[in-house]
Amino acid sequence: MNPASEKLFAEQKESGKVTLQAAADFLEQAGEGEYCFVENTGLQAVEAKIEKIIVFWWNRHYPSDRKFDLDLSKWNKVSEGEFAGYSHEKITKEVYEK
């Protein structure tokens, strides 16, 4: 993950149950089968490496200076589900594969 995102996972990291790696070039470092948490980084440059995309949407629109830069219509949606979150009453999870 990007170093700026690492603080979001402080509790999980302290628990010792997960291994986190933060680096400016985390997408380039990621190996086959590894997960990357992406919130402020473009993906077009590494799209060929991506095996699966998990996207979370919520029921509000927020202003942003960055947009998701992949065309998901070129991917196969393999699952979709909804659940309630802590700060949003409805969160939609979509999973895409090549």
PDB file of N, CA and C in Angstrom:
ATOM      1  N   MET A   1       0.830  -1.180   0.000  1.00  0.00           N
ATOM      2  CA  MET A   1       0.000   0.000   0.000  1.00  0.00           C
ATOM      3  C   MET A   1       0.875   1.243   0.000  1.00  0.00           C
ATOM      4  N   ASN A   2       0.248   2.318  -0.384  1.00  0.00           N
ATOM      5  CA  ASN A   2       0.918   3.598  -0.329  1.00  0.00           C
ATOM      6  C   ASN A   2       1.187   3.949   1.135  1.00  0.00           C
ATOM      7  N   PRO A   3       2.334   4.508   1.462  1.00  0.00           N
ATOM      8  CA  PRO A   3       2.627   4.859   2.854  1.00  0.00           C
ATOM      9  C   PRO A   3       1.556   5.742   3.506  1.00  0.00           C
ATOM     10  N   ALA A   4       0.888   6.584   2.738  1.00  0.00           N
ATOM     11  CA  ALA A   4      -0.155   7.449   3.296  1.00  0.00           C
ATOM     12  C   ALA A   4      -1.363   6.652   3.783  1.00  0.00           C
ATOM     13  N   SER A   5      -1.561   5.451   3.266  1.00  0.00           N
ATOM     14  CA  SER A   5      -2.706   4.611   3.651  1.00  0.00           C
ATOM     15  C   SER A   5      -2.419   3.732   4.858  1.00  0.00           C
ATOM     16  N   GLU A   6      -1.170   3.570   5.207  1.00  0.00           N
ATOM     17  CA  GLU A   6      -0.780   2.620   6.254  1.00  0.00           C
ATOM     18  C   GLU A   6      -1.459   2.902   7.593  1.00  0.00           C
ATOM     19  N   LYS A   7      -1.653   4.163   7.926  1.00  0.00           N
ATOM     20  CA  LYS A   7      -2.255   4.509   9.220  1.00  0.00           C
ATOM     21  C   LYS A   7      -3.675   3.966   9.362  1.00  0.00           C
ATOM     22  N   LEU A   8      -4.351   3.720   8.252  1.00  0.00           N
ATOM     23  CA  LEU A   8      -5.707   3.170   8.299  1.00  0.00           C
ATOM     24  C   LEU A   8      -5.734   1.748   8.852  1.00  0.00           C
ATOM     25  N   PHE A   9      -4.594   1.080   8.821  1.00  0.00           N
ATOM     26  CA  PHE A   9      -4.516  -0.317   9.224  1.00  0.00           C
ATOM     27  C   PHE A   9      -3.655  -0.525  10.468  1.00  0.00           C
ATOM     28  N   ALA A  10      -3.489   0.524  11.261  1.00  0.00           N
ATOM     29  CA  ALA A  10      -2.631   0.444  12.450  1.00  0.00           C
ATOM     30  C   ALA A  10      -3.086  -0.651  13.406  1.00  0.00           C
ATOM     31  N   GLU A  11      -4.383  -0.767  13.631  1.00  0.00           N
ATOM     32  CA  GLU A  11      -4.903  -1.774  14.569  1.00  0.00           C
ATOM     33  C   GLU A  11      -4.610  -3.192  14.078  1.00  0.00           C
ATOM     34  N   GLN A  12      -4.812  -3.442  12.793  1.00  0.00           N
ATOM     35  CA  GLN A  12      -4.538  -4.767  12.234  1.00  0.00           C
ATOM     36  C   GLN A  12      -3.050  -5.090  12.287  1.00  0.00           C
ATOM     37  N   LYS A  13      -2.226  -4.095  12.015  1.00  0.00           N
ATOM     38  CA  LYS A  13      -0.780  -4.300  12.049  1.00  0.00           C
ATOM     39  C   LYS A  13      -0.312  -4.613  13.462  1.00  0.00           C
ATOM     40  N   GLU A  14      -0.819  -3.873  14.441  1.00  0.00           N
ATOM     41  CA  GLU A  14      -0.437  -4.093  15.838  1.00  0.00           C
ATOM     42  C   GLU A  14      -0.886  -5.457  16.348  1.00  0.00           C
ATOM     43  N   SER A  15      -1.964  -5.995  15.789  1.00  0.00           N
ATOM     44  CA  SER A  15      -2.471  -7.299  16.233  1.00  0.00           C
ATOM     45  C   SER A  15      -1.518  -8.427  15.854  1.00  0.00           C
ATOM     46  N   GLY A  16      -0.670  -8.183  14.849  1.00  0.00           N
ATOM     47  CA  GLY A  16       0.253  -9.213  14.397  1.00  0.00           C
ATOM     48  C   GLY A  16      -0.390 -10.265  13.516  1.00  0.00           C
ATOM     49  N   LYS A  17      -1.671 -10.101  13.199  1.00  0.00           N
ATOM     50  CA  LYS A  17      -2.387 -11.090  12.391  1.00  0.00           C
ATOM     51  C   LYS A  17      -2.211 -10.869  10.892  1.00  0.00           C
ATOM     52  N   VAL A  18      -1.706  -9.711  10.521  1.00  0.00           N
ATOM     53  CA  VAL A  18      -1.486  -9.406   9.111  1.00  0.00           C
ATOM     54  C   VAL A  18      -0.090  -8.831   8.924  1.00  0.00           C
ATOM     55  N   THR A  19       0.428  -8.989   7.739  1.00  0.00           N
ATOM     56  CA  THR A  19       1.700  -8.388   7.372  1.00  0.00           C
ATOM     57  C   THR A  19       1.407  -7.284   6.374  1.00  0.00           C
ATOM     58  N   LEU A  20       1.837  -6.085   6.668  1.00  0.00           N
ATOM     59  CA  LEU A  20       1.621  -4.950   5.787  1.00  0.00           C
ATOM     60  C   LEU A  20       2.954  -4.439   5.281  1.00  0.00           C
ATOM     61  N   GLN A  21       2.953  -4.020   4.025  1.00  0.00           N
ATOM     62  CA  GLN A  21       4.152  -3.431   3.443  1.00  0.00           C
ATOM     63  C   GLN A  21       3.750  -2.137   2.759  1.00  0.00           C
ATOM     64  N   ALA A  22       4.329  -1.052   3.170  1.00  0.00           N
ATOM     65  CA  ALA A  22       4.064   0.245   2.564  1.00  0.00           C
ATOM     66  C   ALA A  22       5.296   0.689   1.793  1.00  0.00           C
ATOM     67  N   ALA A  23       5.071   1.133   0.569  1.00  0.00           N
ATOM     68  CA  ALA A  23       6.165   1.617  -0.273  1.00  0.00           C
ATOM     69  C   ALA A  23       5.577   2.488  -1.375  1.00  0.00           C
ATOM     70  N   ALA A  24       6.336   3.466  -1.805  1.00  0.00           N
ATOM     71  CA  ALA A  24       5.866   4.344  -2.872  1.00  0.00           C
ATOM     72  C   ALA A  24       5.592   3.561  -4.156  1.00  0.00           C
ATOM     73  N   ASP A  25       6.374   2.510  -4.402  1.00  0.00           N
ATOM     74  CA  ASP A  25       6.206   1.701  -5.616  1.00  0.00           C
ATOM     75  C   ASP A  25       5.552   0.349  -5.312  1.00  0.00           C
ATOM     76  N   PHE A  26       4.587   0.338  -4.383  1.00  0.00           N
ATOM     77  CA  PHE A  26       3.989  -0.920  -3.936  1.00  0.00           C
ATOM     78  C   PHE A  26       3.337  -1.707  -5.065  1.00  0.00           C
ATOM     79  N   LEU A  27       2.769  -1.036  -6.056  1.00  0.00           N
ATOM     80  CA  LEU A  27       2.129  -1.767  -7.156  1.00  0.00           C
ATOM     81  C   LEU A  27       3.161  -2.510  -8.002  1.00  0.00           C
ATOM     82  N   GLU A  28       4.307  -1.915  -8.193  1.00  0.00           N
ATOM     83  CA  GLU A  28       5.369  -2.570  -8.955  1.00  0.00           C
ATOM     84  C   GLU A  28       5.978  -3.720  -8.159  1.00  0.00           C
ATOM     85  N   GLN A  29       6.035  -3.593  -6.831  1.00  0.00           N
ATOM     86  CA  GLN A  29       6.616  -4.634  -5.981  1.00  0.00           C
ATOM     87  C   GLN A  29       5.699  -5.837  -5.798  1.00  0.00           C
ATOM     88  N   ALA A  30       4.416  -5.654  -5.964  1.00  0.00           N
ATOM     89  CA  ALA A  30       3.449  -6.725  -5.685  1.00  0.00           C
ATOM     90  C   ALA A  30       3.702  -7.938  -6.572  1.00  0.00           C
ATOM     91  N   GLY A  31       3.665  -9.104  -5.945  1.00  0.00           N
ATOM     92  CA  GLY A  31       3.851 -10.351  -6.669  1.00  0.00           C
ATOM     93  C   GLY A  31       2.525 -11.042  -6.940  1.00  0.00           C
ATOM     94  N   GLU A  32       2.609 -12.135  -7.660  1.00  0.00           N
ATOM     95  CA  GLU A  32       1.417 -12.906  -8.005  1.00  0.00           C
ATOM     96  C   GLU A  32       0.681 -13.346  -6.739  1.00  0.00           C
ATOM     97  N   GLY A  33      -0.629 -13.167  -6.729  1.00  0.00           N
ATOM     98  CA  GLY A  33      -1.452 -13.591  -5.605  1.00  0.00           C
ATOM     99  C   GLY A  33      -1.472 -12.644  -4.424  1.00  0.00           C
ATOM    100  N   GLU A  34      -0.718 -11.555  -4.480  1.00  0.00           N
ATOM    101  CA  GLU A  34      -0.681 -10.607  -3.365  1.00  0.00           C
ATOM    102  C   GLU A  34      -1.757  -9.534  -3.539  1.00  0.00           C
ATOM    103  N   TYR A  35      -2.264  -9.055  -2.411  1.00  0.00           N
ATOM    104  CA  TYR A  35      -3.270  -7.998  -2.410  1.00  0.00           C
ATOM    105  C   TYR A  35      -2.600  -6.644  -2.251  1.00  0.00           C
ATOM    106  N   CYS A  36      -3.186  -5.631  -2.894  1.00  0.00           N
ATOM    107  CA  CYS A  36      -2.745  -4.250  -2.728  1.00  0.00           C
ATOM    108  C   CYS A  36      -3.954  -3.408  -2.367  1.00  0.00           C
ATOM    109  N   PHE A  37      -3.821  -2.598  -1.330  1.00  0.00           N
ATOM    110  CA  PHE A  37      -4.862  -1.639  -0.975  1.00  0.00           C
ATOM    111  C   PHE A  37      -4.551  -0.358  -1.733  1.00  0.00           C
ATOM    112  N   VAL A  38      -5.482   0.061  -2.596  1.00  0.00           N
ATOM    113  CA  VAL A  38      -5.253   1.223  -3.458  1.00  0.00           C
ATOM    114  C   VAL A  38      -6.371   2.232  -3.221  1.00  0.00           C
ATOM    115  N   GLU A  39      -5.991   3.453  -2.866  1.00  0.00           N
ATOM    116  CA  GLU A  39      -7.012   4.490  -2.707  1.00  0.00           C
ATOM    117  C   GLU A  39      -6.634   5.806  -3.375  1.00  0.00           C
ATOM    118  N   ASN A  40      -5.379   5.997  -3.707  1.00  0.00           N
ATOM    119  CA  ASN A  40      -4.964   7.280  -4.276  1.00  0.00           C
ATOM    120  C   ASN A  40      -3.886   7.117  -5.348  1.00  0.00           C
ATOM    121  N   THR A  41      -3.915   5.976  -6.015  1.00  0.00           N
ATOM    122  CA  THR A  41      -2.904   5.657  -7.016  1.00  0.00           C
ATOM    123  C   THR A  41      -3.587   5.142  -8.276  1.00  0.00           C
ATOM    124  N   GLY A  42      -3.140   5.588  -9.432  1.00  0.00           N
ATOM    125  CA  GLY A  42      -3.676   5.085 -10.689  1.00  0.00           C
ATOM    126  C   GLY A  42      -3.253   3.642 -10.929  1.00  0.00           C
ATOM    127  N   LEU A  43      -4.071   2.916 -11.681  1.00  0.00           N
ATOM    128  CA  LEU A  43      -3.800   1.502 -11.929  1.00  0.00           C
ATOM    129  C   LEU A  43      -3.481   1.174 -13.385  1.00  0.00           C
ATOM    130  N   GLN A  44      -3.690   2.097 -14.300  1.00  0.00           N
ATOM    131  CA  GLN A  44      -3.493   1.795 -15.716  1.00  0.00           C
ATOM    132  C   GLN A  44      -2.106   1.248 -16.021  1.00  0.00           C
ATOM    133  N   ALA A  45      -1.084   1.786 -15.406  1.00  0.00           N
ATOM    134  CA  ALA A  45       0.292   1.369 -15.699  1.00  0.00           C
ATOM    135  C   ALA A  45       0.576  -0.073 -15.303  1.00  0.00           C
ATOM    136  N   VAL A  46      -0.204  -0.622 -14.377  1.00  0.00           N
ATOM    137  CA  VAL A  46       0.033  -1.994 -13.905  1.00  0.00           C
ATOM    138  C   VAL A  46      -1.152  -2.915 -14.186  1.00  0.00           C
ATOM    139  N   GLU A  47      -2.076  -2.493 -15.021  1.00  0.00           N
ATOM    140  CA  GLU A  47      -3.289  -3.284 -15.265  1.00  0.00           C
ATOM    141  C   GLU A  47      -2.973  -4.707 -15.719  1.00  0.00           C
ATOM    142  N   ALA A  48      -1.934  -4.896 -16.509  1.00  0.00           N
ATOM    143  CA  ALA A  48      -1.586  -6.238 -16.996  1.00  0.00           C
ATOM    144  C   ALA A  48      -1.222  -7.186 -15.852  1.00  0.00           C
ATOM    145  N   LYS A  49      -0.735  -6.664 -14.735  1.00  0.00           N
ATOM    146  CA  LYS A  49      -0.360  -7.488 -13.572  1.00  0.00           C
ATOM    147  C   LYS A  49      -1.547  -7.847 -12.684  1.00  0.00           C
ATOM    148  N   ILE A  50      -2.623  -7.097 -12.795  1.00  0.00           N
ATOM    149  CA  ILE A  50      -3.748  -7.254 -11.869  1.00  0.00           C
ATOM    150  C   ILE A  50      -4.524  -8.521 -12.189  1.00  0.00           C
ATOM    151  N   GLU A  51      -4.743  -9.347 -11.165  1.00  0.00           N
ATOM    152  CA  GLU A  51      -5.482 -10.597 -11.319  1.00  0.00           C
ATOM    153  C   GLU A  51      -6.948 -10.431 -10.948  1.00  0.00           C
ATOM    154  N   LYS A  52      -7.211  -9.599  -9.968  1.00  0.00           N
ATOM    155  CA  LYS A  52      -8.564  -9.415  -9.437  1.00  0.00           C
ATOM    156  C   LYS A  52      -8.682  -7.991  -8.907  1.00  0.00           C
ATOM    157  N   ILE A  53      -9.880  -7.422  -9.060  1.00  0.00           N
ATOM    158  CA  ILE A  53     -10.154  -6.088  -8.530  1.00  0.00           C
ATOM    159  C   ILE A  53     -11.347  -6.198  -7.590  1.00  0.00           C
ATOM    160  N   ILE A  54     -11.185  -5.705  -6.381  1.00  0.00           N
ATOM    161  CA  ILE A  54     -12.284  -5.646  -5.417  1.00  0.00           C
ATOM    162  C   ILE A  54     -12.567  -4.170  -5.182  1.00  0.00           C
ATOM    163  N   VAL A  55     -13.780  -3.752  -5.535  1.00  0.00           N
ATOM    164  CA  VAL A  55     -14.163  -2.347  -5.431  1.00  0.00           C
ATOM    165  C   VAL A  55     -15.267  -2.211  -4.391  1.00  0.00           C
ATOM    166  N   PHE A  56     -15.141  -1.208  -3.531  1.00  0.00           N
ATOM    167  CA  PHE A  56     -16.181  -0.891  -2.556  1.00  0.00           C
ATOM    168  C   PHE A  56     -16.781   0.464  -2.921  1.00  0.00           C
ATOM    169  N   TRP A  57     -18.088   0.484  -3.087  1.00  0.00           N
ATOM    170  CA  TRP A  57     -18.830   1.708  -3.383  1.00  0.00           C
ATOM    171  C   TRP A  57     -19.733   2.005  -2.198  1.00  0.00           C
ATOM    172  N   TRP A  58     -20.031   3.257  -1.952  1.00  0.00           N
ATOM    173  CA  TRP A  58     -20.995   3.567  -0.906  1.00  0.00           C
ATOM    174  C   TRP A  58     -22.085   4.455  -1.471  1.00  0.00           C
ATOM    175  N   ASN A  59     -23.148   4.604  -0.708  1.00  0.00           N
ATOM    176  CA  ASN A  59     -24.361   5.254  -1.202  1.00  0.00           C
ATOM    177  C   ASN A  59     -24.323   6.782  -1.103  1.00  0.00           C
ATOM    178  N   ARG A  60     -23.157   7.354  -1.230  1.00  0.00           N
ATOM    179  CA  ARG A  60     -23.003   8.811  -1.250  1.00  0.00           C
ATOM    180  C   ARG A  60     -21.982   9.178  -2.311  1.00  0.00           C
ATOM    181  N   HIS A  61     -22.115  10.376  -2.836  1.00  0.00           N
ATOM    182  CA  HIS A  61     -21.132  10.894  -3.789  1.00  0.00           C
ATOM    183  C   HIS A  61     -20.320  11.979  -3.097  1.00  0.00           C
ATOM    184  N   TYR A  62     -19.017  11.880  -3.233  1.00  0.00           N
ATOM    185  CA  TYR A  62     -18.122  12.850  -2.619  1.00  0.00           C
ATOM    186  C   TYR A  62     -17.298  13.523  -3.714  1.00  0.00           C
ATOM    187  N   PRO A  63     -16.958  14.787  -3.537  1.00  0.00           N
ATOM    188  CA  PRO A  63     -16.047  15.414  -4.500  1.00  0.00           C
ATOM    189  C   PRO A  63     -14.676  14.744  -4.401  1.00  0.00           C
ATOM    190  N   SER A  64     -13.996  14.682  -5.522  1.00  0.00           N
ATOM    191  CA  SER A  64     -12.674  14.044  -5.509  1.00  0.00           C
ATOM    192  C   SER A  64     -11.786  14.663  -6.571  1.00  0.00           C
ATOM    193  N   ASP A  65     -10.501  14.550  -6.353  1.00  0.00           N
ATOM    194  CA  ASP A  65      -9.549  15.012  -7.354  1.00  0.00           C
ATOM    195  C   ASP A  65      -8.936  13.840  -8.109  1.00  0.00           C
ATOM    196  N   ARG A  66      -9.268  12.620  -7.706  1.00  0.00           N
ATOM    197  CA  ARG A  66      -8.782  11.423  -8.389  1.00  0.00           C
ATOM    198  C   ARG A  66      -9.968  10.530  -8.710  1.00  0.00           C
ATOM    199  N   LYS A  67      -9.876   9.856  -9.840  1.00  0.00           N
ATOM    200  CA  LYS A  67     -10.929   8.940 -10.268  1.00  0.00           C
ATOM    201  C   LYS A  67     -10.313   7.576 -10.557  1.00  0.00           C
ATOM    202  N   PHE A  68     -11.113   6.534 -10.399  1.00  0.00           N
ATOM    203  CA  PHE A  68     -10.686   5.181 -10.732  1.00  0.00           C
ATOM    204  C   PHE A  68     -10.380   5.150 -12.223  1.00  0.00           C
ATOM    205  N   ASP A  69      -9.185   4.722 -12.613  1.00  0.00           N
ATOM    206  CA  ASP A  69      -8.745   4.893 -13.997  1.00  0.00           C
ATOM    207  C   ASP A  69      -8.787   3.634 -14.857  1.00  0.00           C
ATOM    208  N   LEU A  70      -9.476   2.589 -14.419  1.00  0.00           N
ATOM    209  CA  LEU A  70      -9.622   1.393 -15.245  1.00  0.00           C
ATOM    210  C   LEU A  70     -11.054   1.284 -15.752  1.00  0.00           C
ATOM    211  N   ASP A  71     -11.213   0.718 -16.933  1.00  0.00           N
ATOM    212  CA  ASP A  71     -12.529   0.487 -17.517  1.00  0.00           C
ATOM    213  C   ASP A  71     -13.000  -0.895 -17.081  1.00  0.00           C
ATOM    214  N   LEU A  72     -13.888  -0.945 -16.096  1.00  0.00           N
ATOM    215  CA  LEU A  72     -14.336  -2.231 -15.559  1.00  0.00           C
ATOM    216  C   LEU A  72     -15.203  -3.011 -16.538  1.00  0.00           C
ATOM    217  N   SER A  73     -15.667  -2.391 -17.609  1.00  0.00           N
ATOM    218  CA  SER A  73     -16.454  -3.130 -18.605  1.00  0.00           C
ATOM    219  C   SER A  73     -15.588  -4.157 -19.343  1.00  0.00           C
ATOM    220  N   LYS A  74     -14.271  -4.033 -19.238  1.00  0.00           N
ATOM    221  CA  LYS A  74     -13.349  -4.996 -19.855  1.00  0.00           C
ATOM    222  C   LYS A  74     -13.053  -6.168 -18.928  1.00  0.00           C
ATOM    223  N   TRP A  75     -13.597  -6.140 -17.735  1.00  0.00           N
ATOM    224  CA  TRP A  75     -13.395  -7.176 -16.726  1.00  0.00           C
ATOM    225  C   TRP A  75     -14.703  -7.933 -16.520  1.00  0.00           C
ATOM    226  N   ASN A  76     -14.624  -9.120 -15.923  1.00  0.00           N
ATOM    227  CA  ASN A  76     -15.808  -9.923 -15.621  1.00  0.00           C
ATOM    228  C   ASN A  76     -16.185  -9.745 -14.160  1.00  0.00           C
ATOM    229  N   LYS A  77     -17.407  -9.256 -13.922  1.00  0.00           N
ATOM    230  CA  LYS A  77     -17.880  -9.143 -12.536  1.00  0.00           C
ATOM    231  C   LYS A  77     -18.266 -10.544 -12.072  1.00  0.00           C
ATOM    232  N   VAL A  78     -17.603 -11.040 -11.026  1.00  0.00           N
ATOM    233  CA  VAL A  78     -17.852 -12.397 -10.536  1.00  0.00           C
ATOM    234  C   VAL A  78     -18.713 -12.421  -9.282  1.00  0.00           C
ATOM    235  N   SER A  79     -18.827 -11.286  -8.585  1.00  0.00           N
ATOM    236  CA  SER A  79     -19.723 -11.239  -7.429  1.00  0.00           C
ATOM    237  C   SER A  79     -20.036  -9.799  -7.061  1.00  0.00           C
ATOM    238  N   GLU A  80     -21.161  -9.655  -6.367  1.00  0.00           N
ATOM    239  CA  GLU A  80     -21.590  -8.351  -5.867  1.00  0.00           C
ATOM    240  C   GLU A  80     -22.417  -8.582  -4.611  1.00  0.00           C
ATOM    241  N   GLY A  81     -22.189  -7.777  -3.599  1.00  0.00           N
ATOM    242  CA  GLY A  81     -22.953  -7.890  -2.362  1.00  0.00           C
ATOM    243  C   GLY A  81     -23.017  -6.562  -1.643  1.00  0.00           C
ATOM    244  N   GLU A  82     -23.991  -6.440  -0.755  1.00  0.00           N
ATOM    245  CA  GLU A  82     -24.164  -5.212   0.016  1.00  0.00           C
ATOM    246  C   GLU A  82     -24.120  -5.514   1.501  1.00  0.00           C
ATOM    247  N   PHE A  83     -23.623  -4.552   2.267  1.00  0.00           N
ATOM    248  CA  PHE A  83     -23.590  -4.689   3.717  1.00  0.00           C
ATOM    249  C   PHE A  83     -23.575  -3.303   4.348  1.00  0.00           C
ATOM    250  N   ALA A  84     -23.900  -3.237   5.617  1.00  0.00           N
ATOM    251  CA  ALA A  84     -23.869  -1.969   6.351  1.00  0.00           C
ATOM    252  C   ALA A  84     -22.476  -1.761   6.924  1.00  0.00           C
ATOM    253  N   GLY A  85     -22.004  -0.531   6.862  1.00  0.00           N
ATOM    254  CA  GLY A  85     -20.696  -0.208   7.419  1.00  0.00           C
ATOM    255  C   GLY A  85     -20.829   0.619   8.678  1.00  0.00           C
ATOM    256  N   TYR A  86     -19.703   1.089   9.183  1.00  0.00           N
ATOM    257  CA  TYR A  86     -19.706   1.921  10.384  1.00  0.00           C
ATOM    258  C   TYR A  86     -20.185   3.337  10.083  1.00  0.00           C
ATOM    259  N   SER A  87     -19.775   3.875   8.948  1.00  0.00           N
ATOM    260  CA  SER A  87     -20.120   5.258   8.631  1.00  0.00           C
ATOM    261  C   SER A  87     -21.086   5.388   7.455  1.00  0.00           C
ATOM    262  N   HIS A  88     -21.410   4.280   6.817  1.00  0.00           N
ATOM    263  CA  HIS A  88     -22.327   4.292   5.677  1.00  0.00           C
ATOM    264  C   HIS A  88     -23.325   3.153   5.852  1.00  0.00           C
ATOM    265  N   GLU A  89     -24.602   3.458   5.659  1.00  0.00           N
ATOM    266  CA  GLU A  89     -25.615   2.424   5.861  1.00  0.00           C
ATOM    267  C   GLU A  89     -25.595   1.361   4.774  1.00  0.00           C
ATOM    268  N   LYS A  90     -25.055   1.692   3.611  1.00  0.00           N
ATOM    269  CA  LYS A  90     -25.006   0.718   2.524  1.00  0.00           C
ATOM    270  C   LYS A  90     -23.661   0.811   1.813  1.00  0.00           C
ATOM    271  N   ILE A  91     -22.938  -0.288   1.808  1.00  0.00           N
ATOM    272  CA  ILE A  91     -21.678  -0.396   1.073  1.00  0.00           C
ATOM    273  C   ILE A  91     -21.839  -1.549   0.099  1.00  0.00           C
ATOM    274  N   THR A  92     -21.449  -1.331  -1.137  1.00  0.00           N
ATOM    275  CA  THR A  92     -21.533  -2.371  -2.158  1.00  0.00           C
ATOM    276  C   THR A  92     -20.124  -2.855  -2.477  1.00  0.00           C
ATOM    277  N   LYS A  93     -19.945  -4.164  -2.438  1.00  0.00           N
ATOM    278  CA  LYS A  93     -18.661  -4.783  -2.777  1.00  0.00           C
ATOM    279  C   LYS A  93     -18.820  -5.498  -4.112  1.00  0.00           C
ATOM    280  N   GLU A  94     -17.966  -5.164  -5.071  1.00  0.00           N
ATOM    281  CA  GLU A  94     -17.960  -5.820  -6.379  1.00  0.00           C
ATOM    282  C   GLU A  94     -16.587  -6.446  -6.598  1.00  0.00           C
ATOM    283  N   VAL A  95     -16.583  -7.666  -7.136  1.00  0.00           N
ATOM    284  CA  VAL A  95     -15.334  -8.370  -7.419  1.00  0.00           C
ATOM    285  C   VAL A  95     -15.263  -8.635  -8.916  1.00  0.00           C
ATOM    286  N   TYR A  96     -14.140  -8.268  -9.520  1.00  0.00           N
ATOM    287  CA  TYR A  96     -13.917  -8.430 -10.953  1.00  0.00           C
ATOM    288  C   TYR A  96     -12.673  -9.280 -11.185  1.00  0.00           C
ATOM    289  N   GLU A  97     -12.729 -10.102 -12.232  1.00  0.00           N
ATOM    290  CA  GLU A  97     -11.571 -10.886 -12.666  1.00  0.00           C
ATOM    291  C   GLU A  97     -11.411 -10.726 -14.166  1.00  0.00           C
ATOM    292  N   LYS A  98     -10.224 -11.043 -14.654  1.00  0.00           N
ATOM    293  CA  LYS A  98      -9.967 -10.948 -16.098  1.00  0.00           C
ATOM    294  C   LYS A  98     -10.744 -11.993 -16.853  1.00  0.00           C
TER     295      LYS A  98
END
